[in-house]
C-alpha cells in the first residue's frame, strides 16, 4: 500500500478568497487557486485540472502495464484528460472525464491495442475513483 498527501490553505470567502495547494512531492508547492482560477481562466490551478492530470497520467501508466501483459510495448502514449464540472441539483459535480489518447505501438495489432486501452480506462485506479462518466477517443499514431 502507498499513501500520498496533498494539502490546501484557503483564506476569505468563496469569490473573493484565495488559496494555495501543495503536494507531498513538491511538484506543486503553494500553487495559487481560487474562484477566479476555477471559473474565470485566471493564472493558477484548480481541482478539476489536477484531477485531469491525475487521470491522464494514471491511465497512461495502466495502459503501459496492460500492453506489456499482452506482449506489446508502446514507443509513446500521449493522453489528455478533459474533466467536466457541471451544475447538478443546485450544486456542482464532476460529471465526466474524457480521455484523448494517441499511441504508437510498433508491430501490434490495432484491435489488441484498442482492447488494452479499454481495459486500462476501466481499471486504472483514478478511473475507479471517479464517480463520473469516463469516455475516451483512442488512436494509433
N, C-alpha and C. Protein backbone atom coordinates (compact mmCIF):
# COMPACT_ATOMS: atom_id res chain seq x y z
N UNK A 1 0.84 -1.18 0.00
CA UNK A 1 0.00 0.00 0.00
C UNK A 1 0.88 1.24 0.00
N UNK A 2 0.48 2.24 -0.76
CA UNK A 2 1.18 3.52 -0.71
C UNK A 2 0.17 4.59 -0.33
N UNK A 3 0.66 5.63 0.28
CA UNK A 3 -0.18 6.78 0.58
C UNK A 3 0.53 8.02 0.09
N UNK A 4 -0.25 8.98 -0.34
CA UNK A 4 0.28 10.26 -0.79
C UNK A 4 -0.60 11.34 -0.21
N UNK A 5 -0.02 12.52 -0.04
CA UNK A 5 -0.80 13.60 0.54
C UNK A 5 -0.76 14.84 -0.34
N UNK A 6 -1.80 15.59 -0.23
CA UNK A 6 -1.89 16.91 -0.80
C UNK A 6 -2.50 17.80 0.25
N UNK A 7 -2.25 19.08 0.17
CA UNK A 7 -2.80 19.99 1.17
C UNK A 7 -3.24 21.28 0.51
N UNK A 8 -4.17 21.94 1.17
CA UNK A 8 -4.67 23.22 0.69
C UNK A 8 -4.82 24.18 1.85
N UNK A 9 -4.59 25.44 1.56
CA UNK A 9 -4.79 26.52 2.52
C UNK A 9 -5.73 27.52 1.85
N UNK A 10 -6.75 27.99 2.55
CA UNK A 10 -7.74 28.92 2.00
C UNK A 10 -7.95 30.07 2.96
N UNK A 11 -8.11 31.27 2.40
CA UNK A 11 -8.42 32.47 3.19
C UNK A 11 -9.52 33.24 2.50
N UNK A 12 -10.55 33.65 3.24
CA UNK A 12 -11.60 34.51 2.71
C UNK A 12 -12.81 33.74 2.23
N UNK A 13 -13.71 34.49 1.59
CA UNK A 13 -14.95 33.93 1.07
C UNK A 13 -14.73 33.20 -0.24
N UNK A 14 -15.82 32.65 -0.78
CA UNK A 14 -15.72 31.86 -1.99
C UNK A 14 -15.20 32.67 -3.17
N UNK A 15 -15.84 33.80 -3.47
CA UNK A 15 -15.48 34.56 -4.67
C UNK A 15 -14.29 35.50 -4.46
N UNK A 16 -14.13 36.04 -3.27
CA UNK A 16 -13.04 36.97 -3.04
C UNK A 16 -11.85 36.33 -2.34
N UNK A 17 -12.00 35.08 -1.95
CA UNK A 17 -10.93 34.39 -1.24
C UNK A 17 -9.87 33.86 -2.18
N UNK A 18 -8.83 33.33 -1.57
CA UNK A 18 -7.76 32.74 -2.36
C UNK A 18 -7.12 31.62 -1.54
N UNK A 19 -6.47 30.73 -2.27
CA UNK A 19 -5.85 29.62 -1.59
C UNK A 19 -4.58 29.19 -2.28
N UNK A 20 -3.92 28.25 -1.64
CA UNK A 20 -2.75 27.60 -2.24
C UNK A 20 -2.92 26.10 -2.05
N UNK A 21 -2.36 25.37 -2.98
CA UNK A 21 -2.40 23.91 -2.95
C UNK A 21 -0.98 23.38 -3.11
N UNK A 22 -0.68 22.33 -2.35
CA UNK A 22 0.66 21.74 -2.38
C UNK A 22 0.54 20.23 -2.43
N UNK A 23 1.59 19.59 -2.92
CA UNK A 23 1.66 18.14 -2.97
C UNK A 23 2.86 17.68 -2.18
N UNK A 24 2.74 16.51 -1.58
CA UNK A 24 3.80 15.92 -0.78
C UNK A 24 5.13 15.90 -1.53
N UNK A 25 5.10 15.61 -2.82
CA UNK A 25 6.32 15.51 -3.60
C UNK A 25 6.99 16.85 -3.86
N UNK A 26 6.24 17.93 -3.70
CA UNK A 26 6.75 19.25 -4.03
C UNK A 26 6.49 19.64 -5.47
N UNK A 27 5.87 18.75 -6.25
CA UNK A 27 5.56 19.08 -7.65
C UNK A 27 4.70 20.33 -7.72
N UNK A 28 3.80 20.49 -6.77
CA UNK A 28 3.09 21.75 -6.56
C UNK A 28 3.45 22.20 -5.16
N UNK A 29 3.87 23.44 -5.04
CA UNK A 29 4.21 23.98 -3.74
C UNK A 29 3.61 25.36 -3.62
N UNK A 30 2.55 25.46 -2.84
CA UNK A 30 1.85 26.73 -2.64
C UNK A 30 1.38 27.32 -3.97
N UNK A 31 0.87 26.46 -4.86
CA UNK A 31 0.34 26.91 -6.16
C UNK A 31 -1.00 27.62 -5.91
N UNK A 32 -1.17 28.84 -6.43
CA UNK A 32 -2.41 29.56 -6.17
C UNK A 32 -3.62 28.93 -6.85
N UNK A 33 -4.75 29.01 -6.15
CA UNK A 33 -6.02 28.63 -6.75
C UNK A 33 -7.13 29.44 -6.09
N UNK A 34 -8.24 29.54 -6.77
CA UNK A 34 -9.37 30.28 -6.23
C UNK A 34 -10.53 30.25 -7.21
N UNK A 35 -11.57 30.97 -6.87
CA UNK A 35 -12.74 31.05 -7.74
C UNK A 35 -12.33 31.53 -9.12
N UNK A 36 -11.43 32.51 -9.16
CA UNK A 36 -11.03 33.07 -10.46
C UNK A 36 -10.19 32.10 -11.29
N UNK A 37 -9.43 31.20 -10.66
CA UNK A 37 -8.67 30.22 -11.44
C UNK A 37 -9.55 29.05 -11.86
N UNK A 38 -10.64 28.87 -11.16
CA UNK A 38 -11.54 27.76 -11.45
C UNK A 38 -12.60 28.12 -12.47
N UNK A 39 -13.10 29.36 -12.40
CA UNK A 39 -14.23 29.75 -13.23
C UNK A 39 -13.96 30.93 -14.16
N UNK A 40 -12.84 31.62 -14.00
CA UNK A 40 -12.60 32.84 -14.78
C UNK A 40 -11.28 32.81 -15.55
N UNK A 41 -10.67 31.66 -15.72
CA UNK A 41 -9.45 31.49 -16.52
C UNK A 41 -8.29 32.38 -16.07
N UNK A 42 -8.17 32.63 -14.79
CA UNK A 42 -7.03 33.38 -14.28
C UNK A 42 -5.86 32.41 -14.02
N UNK A 43 -4.62 32.94 -13.97
CA UNK A 43 -3.47 32.06 -13.72
C UNK A 43 -3.57 31.35 -12.38
N UNK A 44 -3.14 30.11 -12.37
CA UNK A 44 -3.21 29.26 -11.18
C UNK A 44 -3.82 27.94 -11.57
N UNK A 45 -4.16 27.15 -10.61
CA UNK A 45 -4.72 25.83 -10.90
C UNK A 45 -6.10 25.71 -10.30
N UNK A 46 -6.69 24.54 -10.43
CA UNK A 46 -8.00 24.26 -9.83
C UNK A 46 -8.12 22.75 -9.64
N UNK A 47 -9.03 22.31 -8.81
CA UNK A 47 -9.14 20.88 -8.53
C UNK A 47 -9.40 20.03 -9.78
N UNK A 48 -10.21 20.51 -10.69
CA UNK A 48 -10.53 19.73 -11.88
C UNK A 48 -9.31 19.54 -12.77
N UNK A 49 -8.47 20.56 -12.88
CA UNK A 49 -7.24 20.45 -13.66
C UNK A 49 -6.32 19.40 -13.04
N UNK A 50 -6.24 19.38 -11.72
CA UNK A 50 -5.38 18.41 -11.06
C UNK A 50 -5.94 17.00 -11.22
N UNK A 51 -7.27 16.85 -11.18
CA UNK A 51 -7.88 15.54 -11.42
C UNK A 51 -7.61 15.09 -12.85
N UNK A 52 -7.71 16.02 -13.81
CA UNK A 52 -7.44 15.68 -15.20
C UNK A 52 -6.00 15.18 -15.37
N UNK A 53 -5.06 15.87 -14.77
CA UNK A 53 -3.65 15.44 -14.85
C UNK A 53 -3.46 14.08 -14.19
N UNK A 54 -4.11 13.88 -13.06
CA UNK A 54 -4.01 12.59 -12.38
C UNK A 54 -4.61 11.48 -13.23
N UNK A 55 -5.75 11.73 -13.85
CA UNK A 55 -6.39 10.70 -14.66
C UNK A 55 -5.54 10.38 -15.90
N UNK A 56 -5.04 11.41 -16.57
CA UNK A 56 -4.22 11.19 -17.76
C UNK A 56 -2.96 10.39 -17.43
N UNK A 57 -2.30 10.74 -16.34
CA UNK A 57 -1.06 10.05 -16.00
C UNK A 57 -1.32 8.63 -15.52
N UNK A 58 -2.36 8.43 -14.73
CA UNK A 58 -2.70 7.10 -14.24
C UNK A 58 -3.09 6.19 -15.41
N UNK A 59 -3.94 6.69 -16.30
CA UNK A 59 -4.35 5.90 -17.46
C UNK A 59 -3.14 5.49 -18.30
N UNK A 60 -2.24 6.44 -18.56
CA UNK A 60 -1.07 6.14 -19.40
C UNK A 60 -0.23 5.02 -18.79
N UNK A 61 -0.03 5.06 -17.48
CA UNK A 61 0.73 4.01 -16.82
C UNK A 61 -0.01 2.68 -16.87
N UNK A 62 -1.33 2.71 -16.64
CA UNK A 62 -2.13 1.49 -16.69
C UNK A 62 -2.10 0.88 -18.09
N UNK A 63 -2.19 1.73 -19.11
CA UNK A 63 -2.14 1.22 -20.48
C UNK A 63 -0.79 0.57 -20.77
N UNK A 64 0.28 1.18 -20.30
CA UNK A 64 1.60 0.59 -20.48
C UNK A 64 1.66 -0.80 -19.85
N UNK A 65 1.06 -0.94 -18.67
CA UNK A 65 1.03 -2.23 -17.99
C UNK A 65 0.22 -3.25 -18.78
N UNK A 66 -0.98 -2.88 -19.22
CA UNK A 66 -1.84 -3.81 -19.94
C UNK A 66 -1.20 -4.22 -21.27
N UNK A 67 -0.59 -3.26 -21.96
CA UNK A 67 0.11 -3.60 -23.19
C UNK A 67 1.23 -4.60 -22.92
N UNK A 68 2.00 -4.35 -21.88
CA UNK A 68 3.09 -5.24 -21.52
C UNK A 68 2.60 -6.65 -21.20
N UNK A 69 1.47 -6.74 -20.51
CA UNK A 69 0.90 -8.06 -20.20
C UNK A 69 0.51 -8.80 -21.48
N UNK A 70 0.24 -8.04 -22.56
CA UNK A 70 -0.10 -8.63 -23.84
C UNK A 70 1.09 -8.78 -24.76
N UNK A 71 2.29 -8.57 -24.23
CA UNK A 71 3.50 -8.72 -25.03
C UNK A 71 3.78 -7.54 -25.96
N UNK A 72 3.17 -6.38 -25.67
CA UNK A 72 3.35 -5.19 -26.50
C UNK A 72 4.03 -4.10 -25.68
N UNK A 73 4.80 -3.27 -26.38
CA UNK A 73 5.44 -2.13 -25.73
C UNK A 73 5.19 -0.89 -26.57
N UNK A 74 4.72 0.15 -25.94
CA UNK A 74 4.45 1.41 -26.64
C UNK A 74 5.74 2.21 -26.76
N UNK A 75 5.96 2.79 -27.94
CA UNK A 75 7.01 3.79 -28.07
C UNK A 75 6.56 5.08 -27.40
N UNK A 76 5.26 5.35 -27.48
CA UNK A 76 4.72 6.57 -26.87
C UNK A 76 3.23 6.40 -26.60
N UNK A 77 2.80 6.96 -25.48
CA UNK A 77 1.38 7.08 -25.13
C UNK A 77 1.18 8.52 -24.72
N UNK A 78 0.37 9.25 -25.45
CA UNK A 78 0.07 10.65 -25.12
C UNK A 78 -1.40 10.74 -24.78
N UNK A 79 -1.69 11.15 -23.55
CA UNK A 79 -3.06 11.19 -23.05
C UNK A 79 -3.40 12.58 -22.56
N UNK A 80 -4.55 13.07 -22.98
CA UNK A 80 -5.10 14.32 -22.50
C UNK A 80 -6.46 14.00 -21.88
N UNK A 81 -6.65 14.36 -20.63
CA UNK A 81 -7.94 14.16 -19.96
C UNK A 81 -8.65 15.50 -19.84
N UNK A 82 -9.93 15.50 -20.17
CA UNK A 82 -10.77 16.69 -20.02
C UNK A 82 -11.83 16.39 -18.98
N UNK A 83 -11.75 17.07 -17.86
CA UNK A 83 -12.68 16.87 -16.75
C UNK A 83 -13.74 17.96 -16.82
N UNK A 84 -15.01 17.55 -16.72
CA UNK A 84 -16.13 18.48 -16.81
C UNK A 84 -16.75 18.69 -15.45
N UNK A 85 -16.89 19.96 -15.06
CA UNK A 85 -17.57 20.36 -13.84
C UNK A 85 -18.90 20.98 -14.26
N UNK A 86 -20.01 20.38 -13.84
CA UNK A 86 -21.35 20.84 -14.21
C UNK A 86 -22.14 21.23 -12.97
N UNK A 87 -23.15 22.07 -13.19
CA UNK A 87 -24.13 22.35 -12.13
C UNK A 87 -25.11 21.19 -12.11
N UNK A 88 -25.27 20.60 -10.93
CA UNK A 88 -26.16 19.46 -10.76
C UNK A 88 -26.94 19.64 -9.47
N UNK A 89 -28.25 19.61 -9.58
CA UNK A 89 -29.12 19.68 -8.39
C UNK A 89 -28.75 20.84 -7.47
N UNK A 90 -28.54 22.02 -8.02
CA UNK A 90 -28.25 23.21 -7.23
C UNK A 90 -26.82 23.31 -6.72
N UNK A 91 -25.98 22.39 -7.10
CA UNK A 91 -24.57 22.43 -6.70
C UNK A 91 -23.70 22.09 -7.90
N UNK A 92 -22.46 21.74 -7.63
CA UNK A 92 -21.53 21.39 -8.69
C UNK A 92 -21.06 19.95 -8.50
N UNK A 93 -20.77 19.30 -9.62
CA UNK A 93 -20.24 17.94 -9.59
C UNK A 93 -19.35 17.71 -10.80
N UNK A 94 -18.31 16.94 -10.61
CA UNK A 94 -17.52 16.47 -11.74
C UNK A 94 -18.34 15.35 -12.35
N UNK A 95 -18.76 15.56 -13.61
CA UNK A 95 -19.66 14.61 -14.25
C UNK A 95 -19.00 13.76 -15.32
N UNK A 96 -17.84 14.17 -15.81
CA UNK A 96 -17.19 13.43 -16.89
C UNK A 96 -15.69 13.60 -16.82
N UNK A 97 -15.02 12.58 -17.33
CA UNK A 97 -13.61 12.69 -17.65
C UNK A 97 -13.43 12.01 -18.99
N UNK A 98 -13.00 12.77 -19.98
CA UNK A 98 -12.82 12.24 -21.33
C UNK A 98 -11.33 12.12 -21.62
N UNK A 99 -10.92 10.95 -22.06
CA UNK A 99 -9.52 10.69 -22.38
C UNK A 99 -9.31 10.73 -23.89
N UNK A 100 -8.40 11.56 -24.35
CA UNK A 100 -7.94 11.57 -25.74
C UNK A 100 -6.55 10.94 -25.72
N UNK A 101 -6.41 9.83 -26.41
CA UNK A 101 -5.18 9.04 -26.33
C UNK A 101 -4.63 8.80 -27.73
N UNK A 102 -3.35 9.04 -27.91
CA UNK A 102 -2.64 8.67 -29.13
C UNK A 102 -1.50 7.75 -28.72
N UNK A 103 -1.46 6.58 -29.37
CA UNK A 103 -0.48 5.56 -29.00
C UNK A 103 0.34 5.16 -30.21
N UNK A 104 1.60 4.94 -29.99
CA UNK A 104 2.48 4.35 -31.01
C UNK A 104 2.96 3.03 -30.45
N UNK A 105 2.48 1.94 -31.03
CA UNK A 105 2.81 0.60 -30.54
C UNK A 105 3.27 -0.23 -31.74
N UNK A 106 4.54 -0.12 -32.10
CA UNK A 106 5.06 -0.80 -33.29
C UNK A 106 4.83 -2.31 -33.26
N UNK A 107 4.37 -2.84 -34.40
CA UNK A 107 4.20 -4.27 -34.56
C UNK A 107 2.97 -4.86 -33.91
N UNK A 108 2.16 -4.04 -33.23
CA UNK A 108 0.98 -4.55 -32.53
C UNK A 108 -0.25 -4.48 -33.44
N UNK A 109 -1.15 -5.44 -33.23
CA UNK A 109 -2.42 -5.41 -33.94
C UNK A 109 -3.30 -4.31 -33.35
N UNK A 110 -3.90 -3.51 -34.21
CA UNK A 110 -4.73 -2.39 -33.76
C UNK A 110 -5.82 -2.85 -32.81
N UNK A 111 -6.46 -3.97 -33.10
CA UNK A 111 -7.55 -4.46 -32.26
C UNK A 111 -7.06 -4.77 -30.85
N UNK A 112 -5.88 -5.36 -30.74
CA UNK A 112 -5.31 -5.70 -29.43
C UNK A 112 -4.96 -4.43 -28.65
N UNK A 113 -4.45 -3.42 -29.36
CA UNK A 113 -4.11 -2.17 -28.70
C UNK A 113 -5.37 -1.48 -28.17
N UNK A 114 -6.43 -1.48 -28.96
CA UNK A 114 -7.68 -0.85 -28.53
C UNK A 114 -8.30 -1.60 -27.35
N UNK A 115 -8.20 -2.92 -27.36
CA UNK A 115 -8.67 -3.71 -26.21
C UNK A 115 -7.89 -3.35 -24.95
N UNK A 116 -6.59 -3.17 -25.11
CA UNK A 116 -5.75 -2.78 -23.97
C UNK A 116 -6.15 -1.40 -23.46
N UNK A 117 -6.43 -0.47 -24.38
CA UNK A 117 -6.83 0.87 -23.97
C UNK A 117 -8.15 0.84 -23.20
N UNK A 118 -9.10 0.04 -23.65
CA UNK A 118 -10.38 -0.07 -22.94
C UNK A 118 -10.18 -0.68 -21.55
N UNK A 119 -9.32 -1.68 -21.45
CA UNK A 119 -9.05 -2.29 -20.15
C UNK A 119 -8.39 -1.29 -19.20
N UNK A 120 -7.45 -0.51 -19.72
CA UNK A 120 -6.78 0.50 -18.89
C UNK A 120 -7.76 1.57 -18.45
N UNK A 121 -8.65 2.00 -19.35
CA UNK A 121 -9.66 3.01 -19.00
C UNK A 121 -10.53 2.52 -17.86
N UNK A 122 -10.95 1.27 -17.92
CA UNK A 122 -11.84 0.72 -16.89
C UNK A 122 -11.13 0.44 -15.57
N UNK A 123 -9.83 0.16 -15.63
CA UNK A 123 -9.16 -0.36 -14.44
C UNK A 123 -8.08 0.51 -13.84
N UNK A 124 -7.75 1.65 -14.43
CA UNK A 124 -6.74 2.48 -13.77
C UNK A 124 -7.34 2.99 -12.45
N UNK A 125 -6.53 3.09 -11.40
CA UNK A 125 -7.07 3.47 -10.09
C UNK A 125 -7.83 4.79 -10.08
N UNK A 126 -7.43 5.76 -10.88
CA UNK A 126 -8.15 7.04 -10.89
C UNK A 126 -9.50 6.87 -11.59
N UNK A 127 -9.58 6.06 -12.64
CA UNK A 127 -10.87 5.77 -13.25
C UNK A 127 -11.82 5.15 -12.22
N UNK A 128 -11.30 4.24 -11.42
CA UNK A 128 -12.13 3.60 -10.40
C UNK A 128 -12.55 4.59 -9.32
N UNK A 129 -11.72 5.59 -9.06
CA UNK A 129 -12.03 6.58 -8.04
C UNK A 129 -13.16 7.52 -8.46
N UNK A 130 -13.16 7.88 -9.70
CA UNK A 130 -14.12 8.87 -10.18
C UNK A 130 -15.51 8.28 -10.29
N UNK A 131 -16.49 8.97 -9.71
CA UNK A 131 -17.88 8.57 -9.83
C UNK A 131 -18.49 9.43 -10.92
N UNK A 132 -17.98 9.26 -12.13
CA UNK A 132 -18.38 10.09 -13.26
C UNK A 132 -18.31 9.26 -14.52
N UNK A 133 -18.98 9.72 -15.56
CA UNK A 133 -18.86 9.08 -16.86
C UNK A 133 -17.44 9.28 -17.36
N UNK A 134 -16.80 8.22 -17.77
CA UNK A 134 -15.44 8.31 -18.29
C UNK A 134 -15.48 7.82 -19.73
N UNK A 135 -15.13 8.72 -20.65
CA UNK A 135 -15.14 8.40 -22.08
C UNK A 135 -13.73 8.51 -22.63
N UNK A 136 -13.54 8.04 -23.85
CA UNK A 136 -12.20 8.05 -24.41
C UNK A 136 -12.26 8.01 -25.92
N UNK A 137 -11.34 8.70 -26.58
CA UNK A 137 -11.05 8.55 -28.01
C UNK A 137 -9.61 8.09 -28.07
N UNK A 138 -9.38 6.93 -28.65
CA UNK A 138 -8.03 6.39 -28.74
C UNK A 138 -7.68 6.16 -30.20
N UNK A 139 -6.42 6.41 -30.55
CA UNK A 139 -5.97 6.18 -31.92
C UNK A 139 -4.51 5.81 -31.90
N UNK A 140 -4.13 5.07 -32.92
CA UNK A 140 -2.72 4.75 -33.10
C UNK A 140 -2.06 5.85 -33.91
N UNK A 141 -0.84 6.17 -33.57
CA UNK A 141 -0.10 7.21 -34.29
C UNK A 141 0.39 6.68 -35.61
